[in-house]
Amino acid sequence: MIYFNVLIEETGESYRCSPQESLLAGMERLGRKGIPVGCRGGGCGVCKVEITSGSYLKRVMSRDYVSVEDEAAGRVLACRVKPTSDITLKVLGKMAKNVCRAQPAVSAAV
């Protein structure tokens, strides 16, 4: 199966996403956090991102949250966008948490 790399600019972290799933679903499938999660259906605007590089297919999004001008500037809802190449994006809402968490140091028992 083909996967594309999705890079979150704010953190430098990335995850793999298939062209059959939305950017948000790809992140959730891996059990990751980063892009805020809302309704998952394009109606709340919580997962709004700005695609700064890459190509994608987009599905219908609420005009209450994504205007024609937003779309033209690459601002879309992550739940309604599927990658067709590697993607770099900026999260426009408050990030839930980093995509990858630092693992605590493990000390060896003496």
PDB file of N, CA and C in Angstrom:
ATOM      1  N   MET A   1       0.840  -1.187   0.000  1.00  0.00           N
ATOM      2  CA  MET A   1       0.000   0.000   0.000  1.00  0.00           C
ATOM      3  C   MET A   1       0.884   1.250   0.000  1.00  0.00           C
ATOM      4  N   ILE A   2       0.440   2.253  -0.693  1.00  0.00           N
ATOM      5  CA  ILE A   2       1.158   3.527  -0.767  1.00  0.00           C
ATOM      6  C   ILE A   2       0.812   4.368   0.458  1.00  0.00           C
ATOM      7  N   TYR A   3       1.827   5.012   1.024  1.00  0.00           N
ATOM      8  CA  TYR A   3       1.623   5.961   2.117  1.00  0.00           C
ATOM      9  C   TYR A   3       2.382   7.232   1.786  1.00  0.00           C
ATOM     10  N   PHE A   4       1.838   8.349   2.248  1.00  0.00           N
ATOM     11  CA  PHE A   4       2.516   9.630   2.094  1.00  0.00           C
ATOM     12  C   PHE A   4       2.901  10.145   3.471  1.00  0.00           C
ATOM     13  N   ASN A   5       3.973  10.912   3.517  1.00  0.00           N
ATOM     14  CA  ASN A   5       4.447  11.498   4.762  1.00  0.00           C
ATOM     15  C   ASN A   5       3.706  12.814   5.011  1.00  0.00           C
ATOM     16  N   VAL A   6       3.197  12.989   6.226  1.00  0.00           N
ATOM     17  CA  VAL A   6       2.527  14.229   6.619  1.00  0.00           C
ATOM     18  C   VAL A   6       3.379  14.871   7.704  1.00  0.00           C
ATOM     19  N   LEU A   7       3.894  16.062   7.432  1.00  0.00           N
ATOM     20  CA  LEU A   7       4.764  16.780   8.357  1.00  0.00           C
ATOM     21  C   LEU A   7       3.995  17.930   8.996  1.00  0.00           C
ATOM     22  N   ILE A   8       4.038  18.008  10.331  1.00  0.00           N
ATOM     23  CA  ILE A   8       3.418  19.114  11.062  1.00  0.00           C
ATOM     24  C   ILE A   8       4.516  20.134  11.353  1.00  0.00           C
ATOM     25  N   GLU A   9       4.416  21.314  10.732  1.00  0.00           N
ATOM     26  CA  GLU A   9       5.476  22.325  10.809  1.00  0.00           C
ATOM     27  C   GLU A   9       5.798  22.758  12.232  1.00  0.00           C
ATOM     28  N   GLU A  10       4.780  22.946  13.063  1.00  0.00           N
ATOM     29  CA  GLU A  10       5.006  23.484  14.406  1.00  0.00           C
ATOM     30  C   GLU A  10       5.943  22.621  15.242  1.00  0.00           C
ATOM     31  N   THR A  11       5.895  21.331  15.038  1.00  0.00           N
ATOM     32  CA  THR A  11       6.667  20.415  15.884  1.00  0.00           C
ATOM     33  C   THR A  11       7.774  19.693  15.136  1.00  0.00           C
ATOM     34  N   GLY A  12       7.728  19.697  13.806  1.00  0.00           N
ATOM     35  CA  GLY A  12       8.692  18.938  13.024  1.00  0.00           C
ATOM     36  C   GLY A  12       8.400  17.447  13.020  1.00  0.00           C
ATOM     37  N   GLU A  13       7.287  17.056  13.607  1.00  0.00           N
ATOM     38  CA  GLU A  13       6.911  15.647  13.684  1.00  0.00           C
ATOM     39  C   GLU A  13       6.128  15.242  12.442  1.00  0.00           C
ATOM     40  N   SER A  14       6.130  13.943  12.165  1.00  0.00           N
ATOM     41  CA  SER A  14       5.430  13.469  10.980  1.00  0.00           C
ATOM     42  C   SER A  14       4.781  12.120  11.233  1.00  0.00           C
ATOM     43  N   TYR A  15       3.879  11.765  10.329  1.00  0.00           N
ATOM     44  CA  TYR A  15       3.234  10.450  10.356  1.00  0.00           C
ATOM     45  C   TYR A  15       2.905  10.055   8.925  1.00  0.00           C
ATOM     46  N   ARG A  16       2.621   8.770   8.726  1.00  0.00           N
ATOM     47  CA  ARG A  16       2.285   8.266   7.395  1.00  0.00           C
ATOM     48  C   ARG A  16       0.772   8.196   7.245  1.00  0.00           C
ATOM     49  N   CYS A  17       0.314   8.535   6.046  1.00  0.00           N
ATOM     50  CA  CYS A  17      -1.124   8.554   5.771  1.00  0.00           C
ATOM     51  C   CYS A  17      -1.362   7.959   4.383  1.00  0.00           C
ATOM     52  N   SER A  18      -2.339   7.086   4.273  1.00  0.00           N
ATOM     53  CA  SER A  18      -2.653   6.489   2.968  1.00  0.00           C
ATOM     54  C   SER A  18      -3.566   7.431   2.184  1.00  0.00           C
ATOM     55  N   PRO A  19      -3.583   7.317   0.859  1.00  0.00           N
ATOM     56  CA  PRO A  19      -4.458   8.172   0.056  1.00  0.00           C
ATOM     57  C   PRO A  19      -5.937   7.817   0.200  1.00  0.00           C
ATOM     58  N   GLN A  20      -6.240   6.711   0.878  1.00  0.00           N
ATOM     59  CA  GLN A  20      -7.632   6.316   1.100  1.00  0.00           C
ATOM     60  C   GLN A  20      -8.205   6.887   2.396  1.00  0.00           C
ATOM     61  N   GLU A  21      -7.388   7.574   3.195  1.00  0.00           N
ATOM     62  CA  GLU A  21      -7.877   8.101   4.472  1.00  0.00           C
ATOM     63  C   GLU A  21      -7.581   9.591   4.577  1.00  0.00           C
ATOM     64  N   SER A  22      -8.359  10.262   5.396  1.00  0.00           N
ATOM     65  CA  SER A  22      -8.138  11.693   5.598  1.00  0.00           C
ATOM     66  C   SER A  22      -6.869  11.905   6.419  1.00  0.00           C
ATOM     67  N   LEU A  23      -6.336  13.119   6.357  1.00  0.00           N
ATOM     68  CA  LEU A  23      -5.161  13.451   7.163  1.00  0.00           C
ATOM     69  C   LEU A  23      -5.443  13.207   8.642  1.00  0.00           C
ATOM     70  N   LEU A  24      -6.652  13.535   9.082  1.00  0.00           N
ATOM     71  CA  LEU A  24      -7.026  13.342  10.483  1.00  0.00           C
ATOM     72  C   LEU A  24      -7.135  11.858  10.827  1.00  0.00           C
ATOM     73  N   ALA A  25      -7.765  11.073   9.958  1.00  0.00           N
ATOM     74  CA  ALA A  25      -7.921   9.635  10.212  1.00  0.00           C
ATOM     75  C   ALA A  25      -6.569   8.932  10.248  1.00  0.00           C
ATOM     76  N   GLY A  26      -5.640   9.336   9.387  1.00  0.00           N
ATOM     77  CA  GLY A  26      -4.304   8.742   9.384  1.00  0.00           C
ATOM     78  C   GLY A  26      -3.592   8.971  10.700  1.00  0.00           C
ATOM     79  N   MET A  27      -3.717  10.172  11.226  1.00  0.00           N
ATOM     80  CA  MET A  27      -3.100  10.493  12.511  1.00  0.00           C
ATOM     81  C   MET A  27      -3.750   9.680  13.631  1.00  0.00           C
ATOM     82  N   GLU A  28      -5.077   9.613  13.620  1.00  0.00           N
ATOM     83  CA  GLU A  28      -5.795   8.871  14.663  1.00  0.00           C
ATOM     84  C   GLU A  28      -5.521   7.367  14.586  1.00  0.00           C
ATOM     85  N   ARG A  29      -5.411   6.833  13.377  1.00  0.00           N
ATOM     86  CA  ARG A  29      -5.157   5.402  13.194  1.00  0.00           C
ATOM     87  C   ARG A  29      -3.874   4.992  13.893  1.00  0.00           C
ATOM     88  N   LEU A  30      -2.904   5.871  13.891  1.00  0.00           N
ATOM     89  CA  LEU A  30      -1.622   5.572  14.518  1.00  0.00           C
ATOM     90  C   LEU A  30      -1.637   5.840  16.023  1.00  0.00           C
ATOM     91  N   GLY A  31      -2.789   6.289  16.536  1.00  0.00           N
ATOM     92  CA  GLY A  31      -2.873   6.591  17.960  1.00  0.00           C
ATOM     93  C   GLY A  31      -2.120   7.856  18.326  1.00  0.00           C
ATOM     94  N   ARG A  32      -1.942   8.727  17.361  1.00  0.00           N
ATOM     95  CA  ARG A  32      -1.193   9.963  17.576  1.00  0.00           C
ATOM     96  C   ARG A  32      -2.140  11.113  17.878  1.00  0.00           C
ATOM     97  N   LYS A  33      -1.585  12.182  18.414  1.00  0.00           N
ATOM     98  CA  LYS A  33      -2.321  13.418  18.658  1.00  0.00           C
ATOM     99  C   LYS A  33      -1.561  14.535  17.952  1.00  0.00           C
ATOM    100  N   GLY A  34      -2.174  15.661  17.786  1.00  0.00           N
ATOM    101  CA  GLY A  34      -1.526  16.796  17.141  1.00  0.00           C
ATOM    102  C   GLY A  34      -2.576  17.697  16.534  1.00  0.00           C
ATOM    103  N   ILE A  35      -3.202  17.247  15.455  1.00  0.00           N
ATOM    104  CA  ILE A  35      -4.298  17.996  14.854  1.00  0.00           C
ATOM    105  C   ILE A  35      -5.499  17.832  15.780  1.00  0.00           C
ATOM    106  N   PRO A  36      -6.132  18.929  16.201  1.00  0.00           N
ATOM    107  CA  PRO A  36      -7.302  18.806  17.077  1.00  0.00           C
ATOM    108  C   PRO A  36      -8.423  18.006  16.406  1.00  0.00           C
ATOM    109  N   VAL A  37      -9.136  17.209  17.184  1.00  0.00           N
ATOM    110  CA  VAL A  37     -10.211  16.350  16.675  1.00  0.00           C
ATOM    111  C   VAL A  37     -11.554  16.900  17.121  1.00  0.00           C
ATOM    112  N   GLY A  38     -12.472  17.026  16.170  1.00  0.00           N
ATOM    113  CA  GLY A  38     -13.830  17.478  16.473  1.00  0.00           C
ATOM    114  C   GLY A  38     -14.835  16.459  15.996  1.00  0.00           C
ATOM    115  N   CYS A  39     -15.720  16.876  15.100  1.00  0.00           N
ATOM    116  CA  CYS A  39     -16.831  16.027  14.649  1.00  0.00           C
ATOM    117  C   CYS A  39     -16.415  14.962  13.636  1.00  0.00           C
ATOM    118  N   ARG A  40     -15.277  15.120  12.991  1.00  0.00           N
ATOM    119  CA  ARG A  40     -14.755  14.209  11.964  1.00  0.00           C
ATOM    120  C   ARG A  40     -15.582  14.209  10.670  1.00  0.00           C
ATOM    121  N   GLY A  41     -16.500  15.162  10.531  1.00  0.00           N
ATOM    122  CA  GLY A  41     -17.358  15.176   9.356  1.00  0.00           C
ATOM    123  C   GLY A  41     -17.358  16.476   8.578  1.00  0.00           C
ATOM    124  N   GLY A  42     -16.489  17.412   8.921  1.00  0.00           N
ATOM    125  CA  GLY A  42     -16.392  18.658   8.174  1.00  0.00           C
ATOM    126  C   GLY A  42     -17.345  19.746   8.615  1.00  0.00           C
ATOM    127  N   GLY A  43     -18.016  19.562   9.751  1.00  0.00           N
ATOM    128  CA  GLY A  43     -19.017  20.530  10.162  1.00  0.00           C
ATOM    129  C   GLY A  43     -18.671  21.406  11.345  1.00  0.00           C
ATOM    130  N   CYS A  44     -17.501  21.196  11.987  1.00  0.00           N
ATOM    131  CA  CYS A  44     -17.223  21.980  13.200  1.00  0.00           C
ATOM    132  C   CYS A  44     -16.013  22.903  13.071  1.00  0.00           C
ATOM    133  N   GLY A  45     -15.100  22.630  12.168  1.00  0.00           N
ATOM    134  CA  GLY A  45     -13.943  23.495  11.958  1.00  0.00           C
ATOM    135  C   GLY A  45     -12.785  23.301  12.919  1.00  0.00           C
ATOM    136  N   VAL A  46     -12.896  22.376  13.854  1.00  0.00           N
ATOM    137  CA  VAL A  46     -11.859  22.181  14.872  1.00  0.00           C
ATOM    138  C   VAL A  46     -10.528  21.747  14.261  1.00  0.00           C
ATOM    139  N   CYS A  47     -10.558  20.928  13.221  1.00  0.00           N
ATOM    140  CA  CYS A  47      -9.330  20.354  12.646  1.00  0.00           C
ATOM    141  C   CYS A  47      -8.768  21.181  11.485  1.00  0.00           C
ATOM    142  N   LYS A  48      -9.028  22.471  11.465  1.00  0.00           N
ATOM    143  CA  LYS A  48      -8.575  23.323  10.365  1.00  0.00           C
ATOM    144  C   LYS A  48      -7.049  23.412  10.339  1.00  0.00           C
ATOM    145  N   VAL A  49      -6.502  23.195   9.152  1.00  0.00           N
ATOM    146  CA  VAL A  49      -5.059  23.259   8.935  1.00  0.00           C
ATOM    147  C   VAL A  49      -4.782  24.073   7.678  1.00  0.00           C
ATOM    148  N   GLU A  50      -3.540  24.471   7.515  1.00  0.00           N
ATOM    149  CA  GLU A  50      -3.112  25.116   6.275  1.00  0.00           C
ATOM    150  C   GLU A  50      -2.069  24.217   5.625  1.00  0.00           C
ATOM    151  N   ILE A  51      -2.366  23.741   4.427  1.00  0.00           N
ATOM    152  CA  ILE A  51      -1.430  22.906   3.675  1.00  0.00           C
ATOM    153  C   ILE A  51      -0.418  23.844   3.029  1.00  0.00           C
ATOM    154  N   THR A  52       0.850  23.723   3.423  1.00  0.00           N
ATOM    155  CA  THR A  52       1.877  24.614   2.878  1.00  0.00           C
ATOM    156  C   THR A  52       2.642  23.986   1.721  1.00  0.00           C
ATOM    157  N   SER A  53       2.578  22.661   1.606  1.00  0.00           N
ATOM    158  CA  SER A  53       3.136  22.004   0.419  1.00  0.00           C
ATOM    159  C   SER A  53       2.493  20.639   0.258  1.00  0.00           C
ATOM    160  N   GLY A  54       2.440  20.191  -0.983  1.00  0.00           N
ATOM    161  CA  GLY A  54       1.855  18.893  -1.287  1.00  0.00           C
ATOM    162  C   GLY A  54       0.518  19.022  -1.987  1.00  0.00           C
ATOM    163  N   SER A  55       0.027  17.885  -2.461  1.00  0.00           N
ATOM    164  CA  SER A  55      -1.257  17.872  -3.161  1.00  0.00           C
ATOM    165  C   SER A  55      -2.227  16.952  -2.438  1.00  0.00           C
ATOM    166  N   TYR A  56      -3.512  17.188  -2.670  1.00  0.00           N
ATOM    167  CA  TYR A  56      -4.546  16.470  -1.928  1.00  0.00           C
ATOM    168  C   TYR A  56      -5.877  16.548  -2.654  1.00  0.00           C
ATOM    169  N   LEU A  57      -6.756  15.626  -2.305  1.00  0.00           N
ATOM    170  CA  LEU A  57      -8.149  15.662  -2.750  1.00  0.00           C
ATOM    171  C   LEU A  57      -8.966  16.173  -1.582  1.00  0.00           C
ATOM    172  N   LYS A  58      -9.941  17.020  -1.860  1.00  0.00           N
ATOM    173  CA  LYS A  58     -10.765  17.527  -0.763  1.00  0.00           C
ATOM    174  C   LYS A  58     -12.223  17.178  -0.987  1.00  0.00           C
ATOM    175  N   ARG A  59     -12.904  16.932   0.116  1.00  0.00           N
ATOM    176  CA  ARG A  59     -14.335  16.667   0.088  1.00  0.00           C
ATOM    177  C   ARG A  59     -15.058  17.914   0.586  1.00  0.00           C
ATOM    178  N   VAL A  60     -16.374  17.885   0.546  1.00  0.00           N
ATOM    179  CA  VAL A  60     -17.188  19.037   0.934  1.00  0.00           C
ATOM    180  C   VAL A  60     -16.892  19.440   2.377  1.00  0.00           C
ATOM    181  N   MET A  61     -16.703  20.756   2.588  1.00  0.00           N
ATOM    182  CA  MET A  61     -16.451  21.317   3.915  1.00  0.00           C
ATOM    183  C   MET A  61     -17.444  22.433   4.175  1.00  0.00           C
ATOM    184  N   SER A  62     -17.799  22.638   5.419  1.00  0.00           N
ATOM    185  CA  SER A  62     -18.732  23.694   5.796  1.00  0.00           C
ATOM    186  C   SER A  62     -18.149  25.063   5.456  1.00  0.00           C
ATOM    187  N   ARG A  63     -18.902  25.882   4.731  1.00  0.00           N
ATOM    188  CA  ARG A  63     -18.473  27.248   4.406  1.00  0.00           C
ATOM    189  C   ARG A  63     -18.466  28.132   5.656  1.00  0.00           C
ATOM    190  N   ASP A  64     -19.086  27.673   6.736  1.00  0.00           N
ATOM    191  CA  ASP A  64     -19.007  28.414   7.996  1.00  0.00           C
ATOM    192  C   ASP A  64     -17.576  28.432   8.519  1.00  0.00           C
ATOM    193  N   TYR A  65     -16.775  27.419   8.150  1.00  0.00           N
ATOM    194  CA  TYR A  65     -15.423  27.277   8.685  1.00  0.00           C
ATOM    195  C   TYR A  65     -14.329  27.376   7.638  1.00  0.00           C
ATOM    196  N   VAL A  66     -14.666  27.102   6.378  1.00  0.00           N
ATOM    197  CA  VAL A  66     -13.677  27.175   5.296  1.00  0.00           C
ATOM    198  C   VAL A  66     -14.302  27.944   4.136  1.00  0.00           C
ATOM    199  N   SER A  67     -13.863  29.181   3.967  1.00  0.00           N
ATOM    200  CA  SER A  67     -14.387  30.011   2.879  1.00  0.00           C
ATOM    201  C   SER A  67     -13.699  29.636   1.566  1.00  0.00           C
ATOM    202  N   VAL A  68     -14.214  30.166   0.479  1.00  0.00           N
ATOM    203  CA  VAL A  68     -13.594  29.962  -0.829  1.00  0.00           C
ATOM    204  C   VAL A  68     -12.157  30.494  -0.790  1.00  0.00           C
ATOM    205  N   GLU A  69     -11.965  31.637  -0.132  1.00  0.00           N
ATOM    206  CA  GLU A  69     -10.630  32.228  -0.014  1.00  0.00           C
ATOM    207  C   GLU A  69      -9.704  31.325   0.803  1.00  0.00           C
ATOM    208  N   ASP A  70     -10.243  30.755   1.899  1.00  0.00           N
ATOM    209  CA  ASP A  70      -9.457  29.810   2.709  1.00  0.00           C
ATOM    210  C   ASP A  70      -8.973  28.655   1.844  1.00  0.00           C
ATOM    211  N   GLU A  71      -9.905  28.041   1.121  1.00  0.00           N
ATOM    212  CA  GLU A  71      -9.553  26.894   0.270  1.00  0.00           C
ATOM    213  C   GLU A  71      -8.466  27.260  -0.732  1.00  0.00           C
ATOM    214  N   ALA A  72      -8.598  28.429  -1.345  1.00  0.00           N
ATOM    215  CA  ALA A  72      -7.614  28.866  -2.336  1.00  0.00           C
ATOM    216  C   ALA A  72      -6.232  29.041  -1.707  1.00  0.00           C
ATOM    217  N   ALA A  73      -6.192  29.371  -0.413  1.00  0.00           N
ATOM    218  CA  ALA A  73      -4.925  29.566   0.299  1.00  0.00           C
ATOM    219  C   ALA A  73      -4.420  28.283   0.960  1.00  0.00           C
ATOM    220  N   GLY A  74      -5.117  27.158   0.733  1.00  0.00           N
ATOM    221  CA  GLY A  74      -4.679  25.886   1.301  1.00  0.00           C
ATOM    222  C   GLY A  74      -5.184  25.619   2.700  1.00  0.00           C
ATOM    223  N   ARG A  75      -6.119  26.452   3.187  1.00  0.00           N
ATOM    224  CA  ARG A  75      -6.693  26.235   4.520  1.00  0.00           C
ATOM    225  C   ARG A  75      -7.917  25.337   4.381  1.00  0.00           C
ATOM    226  N   VAL A  76      -7.836  24.160   4.983  1.00  0.00           N
ATOM    227  CA  VAL A  76      -8.851  23.121   4.822  1.00  0.00           C
ATOM    228  C   VAL A  76      -9.082  22.411   6.153  1.00  0.00           C
ATOM    229  N   LEU A  77     -10.071  21.531   6.179  1.00  0.00           N
ATOM    230  CA  LEU A  77     -10.327  20.712   7.362  1.00  0.00           C
ATOM    231  C   LEU A  77      -9.637  19.365   7.165  1.00  0.00           C
ATOM    232  N   ALA A  78      -8.804  18.980   8.109  1.00  0.00           N
ATOM    233  CA  ALA A  78      -8.010  17.749   7.981  1.00  0.00           C
ATOM    234  C   ALA A  78      -8.879  16.506   7.863  1.00  0.00           C
ATOM    235  N   CYS A  79     -10.104  16.573   8.382  1.00  0.00           N
ATOM    236  CA  CYS A  79     -11.000  15.408   8.291  1.00  0.00           C
ATOM    237  C   CYS A  79     -11.589  15.244   6.896  1.00  0.00           C
ATOM    238  N   ARG A  80     -11.440  16.241   6.021  1.00  0.00           N
ATOM    239  CA  ARG A  80     -12.049  16.213   4.686  1.00  0.00           C
ATOM    240  C   ARG A  80     -11.017  16.205   3.558  1.00  0.00           C
ATOM    241  N   VAL A  81      -9.754  15.950   3.891  1.00  0.00           N
ATOM    242  CA  VAL A  81      -8.678  16.009   2.907  1.00  0.00           C
ATOM    243  C   VAL A  81      -7.900  14.696   2.905  1.00  0.00           C
ATOM    244  N   LYS A  82      -7.656  14.166   1.692  1.00  0.00           N
ATOM    245  CA  LYS A  82      -6.869  12.938   1.521  1.00  0.00           C
ATOM    246  C   LYS A  82      -5.612  13.282   0.724  1.00  0.00           C
ATOM    247  N   PRO A  83      -4.449  12.805   1.166  1.00  0.00           N
ATOM    248  CA  PRO A  83      -3.210  13.171   0.470  1.00  0.00           C
ATOM    249  C   PRO A  83      -3.050  12.448  -0.870  1.00  0.00           C
ATOM    250  N   THR A  84      -2.451  13.140  -1.833  1.00  0.00           N
ATOM    251  CA  THR A  84      -2.055  12.516  -3.099  1.00  0.00           C
ATOM    252  C   THR A  84      -0.546  12.658  -3.299  1.00  0.00           C
ATOM    253  N   SER A  85       0.128  13.214  -2.292  1.00  0.00           N
ATOM    254  CA  SER A  85       1.589  13.332  -2.267  1.00  0.00           C
ATOM    255  C   SER A  85       1.979  13.563  -0.807  1.00  0.00           C
ATOM    256  N   ASP A  86       3.274  13.712  -0.539  1.00  0.00           N
ATOM    257  CA  ASP A  86       3.690  14.112   0.800  1.00  0.00           C
ATOM    258  C   ASP A  86       3.101  15.490   1.080  1.00  0.00           C
ATOM    259  N   ILE A  87       2.757  15.730   2.339  1.00  0.00           N
ATOM    260  CA  ILE A  87       2.078  16.969   2.750  1.00  0.00           C
ATOM    261  C   ILE A  87       2.859  17.625   3.883  1.00  0.00           C
ATOM    262  N   THR A  88       2.951  18.942   3.850  1.00  0.00           N
ATOM    263  CA  THR A  88       3.426  19.722   4.989  1.00  0.00           C
ATOM    264  C   THR A  88       2.277  20.635   5.376  1.00  0.00           C
ATOM    265  N   LEU A  89       1.990  20.709   6.689  1.00  0.00           N
ATOM    266  CA  LEU A  89       0.853  21.516   7.127  1.00  0.00           C
ATOM    267  C   LEU A  89       1.154  22.277   8.404  1.00  0.00           C
ATOM    268  N   LYS A  90       0.351  23.321   8.623  1.00  0.00           N
ATOM    269  CA  LYS A  90       0.353  24.084   9.871  1.00  0.00           C
ATOM    270  C   LYS A  90      -1.002  23.866  10.522  1.00  0.00           C
ATOM    271  N   VAL A  91      -1.008  23.614  11.818  1.00  0.00           N
ATOM    272  CA  VAL A  91      -2.261  23.487  12.560  1.00  0.00           C
ATOM    273  C   VAL A  91      -2.739  24.897  12.883  1.00  0.00           C
ATOM    274  N   LEU A  92      -3.983  25.224  12.529  1.00  0.00           N
ATOM    275  CA  LEU A  92      -4.495  26.574  12.754  1.00  0.00           C
ATOM    276  C   LEU A  92      -5.190  26.715  14.099  1.00  0.00           C
ATOM    277  N   GLY A  93      -5.690  25.608  14.643  1.00  0.00           N
ATOM    278  CA  GLY A  93      -6.295  25.645  15.970  1.00  0.00           C
ATOM    279  C   GLY A  93      -5.256  25.315  17.019  1.00  0.00           C
ATOM    280  N   LYS A  94      -5.718  25.173  18.238  1.00  0.00           N
ATOM    281  CA  LYS A  94      -4.823  24.787  19.326  1.00  0.00           C
ATOM    282  C   LYS A  94      -4.454  23.317  19.159  1.00  0.00           C
ATOM    283  N   MET A  95      -3.161  23.032  19.138  1.00  0.00           N
ATOM    284  CA  MET A  95      -2.735  21.640  19.001  1.00  0.00           C
ATOM    285  C   MET A  95      -3.116  20.864  20.251  1.00  0.00           C
ATOM    286  N   ALA A  96      -3.671  19.670  20.033  1.00  0.00           N
ATOM    287  CA  ALA A  96      -4.086  18.820  21.146  1.00  0.00           C
ATOM    288  C   ALA A  96      -2.877  18.415  21.975  1.00  0.00           C
ATOM    289  N   LYS A  97      -1.916  17.824  21.353  1.00  0.00           N
ATOM    290  CA  LYS A  97      -0.651  17.405  21.965  1.00  0.00           C
ATOM    291  C   LYS A  97       0.296  17.150  20.815  1.00  0.00           C
ATOM    292  N   ASN A  98       1.560  16.982  21.131  1.00  0.00           N
ATOM    293  CA  ASN A  98       2.504  16.630  20.081  1.00  0.00           C
ATOM    294  C   ASN A  98       2.133  15.288  19.484  1.00  0.00           C
ATOM    295  N   VAL A  99       2.511  15.075  18.239  1.00  0.00           N
ATOM    296  CA  VAL A  99       2.234  13.817  17.558  1.00  0.00           C
ATOM    297  C   VAL A  99       3.001  12.682  18.233  1.00  0.00           C
ATOM    298  N   CYS A 100       4.254  12.907  18.557  1.00  0.00           N
ATOM    299  CA  CYS A 100       5.086  11.886  19.212  1.00  0.00           C
ATOM    300  C   CYS A 100       5.450  12.393  20.598  1.00  0.00           C
ATOM    301  N   ARG A 101       5.221  11.590  21.575  1.00  0.00           N
ATOM    302  CA  ARG A 101       5.579  11.980  22.937  1.00  0.00           C
ATOM    303  C   ARG A 101       6.977  11.486  23.259  1.00  0.00           C
ATOM    304  N   ALA A 102       7.699  12.281  24.032  1.00  0.00           N
ATOM    305  CA  ALA A 102       9.010  11.842  24.496  1.00  0.00           C
ATOM    306  C   ALA A 102       8.805  10.695  25.476  1.00  0.00           C
ATOM    307  N   GLN A 103       9.611   9.678  25.355  1.00  0.00           N
ATOM    308  CA  GLN A 103       9.515   8.526  26.249  1.00  0.00           C
ATOM    309  C   GLN A 103      10.321   8.807  27.506  1.00  0.00           C
ATOM    310  N   PRO A 104       9.779   8.453  28.689  1.00  0.00           N
ATOM    311  CA  PRO A 104      10.531   8.682  29.923  1.00  0.00           C
ATOM    312  C   PRO A 104      11.787   7.816  29.947  1.00  0.00           C
ATOM    313  N   ALA A 105      12.823   8.341  30.582  1.00  0.00           N
ATOM    314  CA  ALA A 105      14.071   7.586  30.699  1.00  0.00           C
ATOM    315  C   ALA A 105      13.852   6.385  31.604  1.00  0.00           C
ATOM    316  N   VAL A 106      14.422   5.283  31.221  1.00  0.00           N
ATOM    317  CA  VAL A 106      14.313   4.061  32.018  1.00  0.00           C
ATOM    318  C   VAL A 106      15.644   3.860  32.715  1.00  0.00           C
ATOM    319  N   SER A 107      15.607   3.766  34.043  1.00  0.00           N
ATOM    320  CA  SER A 107      16.857   3.552  34.767  1.00  0.00           C
ATOM    321  C   SER A 107      17.022   2.070  35.059  1.00  0.00           C
ATOM    322  N   ALA A 108      18.227   1.601  34.922  1.00  0.00           N
ATOM    323  CA  ALA A 108      18.515   0.191  35.172  1.00  0.00           C
ATOM    324  C   ALA A 108      18.629  -0.049  36.670  1.00  0.00           C
ATOM    325  N   ALA A 109      18.043  -1.130  37.135  1.00  0.00           N
ATOM    326  CA  ALA A 109      18.133  -1.477  38.558  1.00  0.00           C
ATOM    327  C   ALA A 109      19.536  -1.968  38.860  1.00  0.00           C
ATOM    328  N   VAL A 110      20.078  -1.551  39.992  1.00  0.00           N
ATOM    329  CA  VAL A 110      21.440  -1.945  40.375  1.00  0.00           C
ATOM    330  C   VAL A 110      21.392  -3.000  41.429  1.00  0.00           C
TER     331      VAL A 110
END
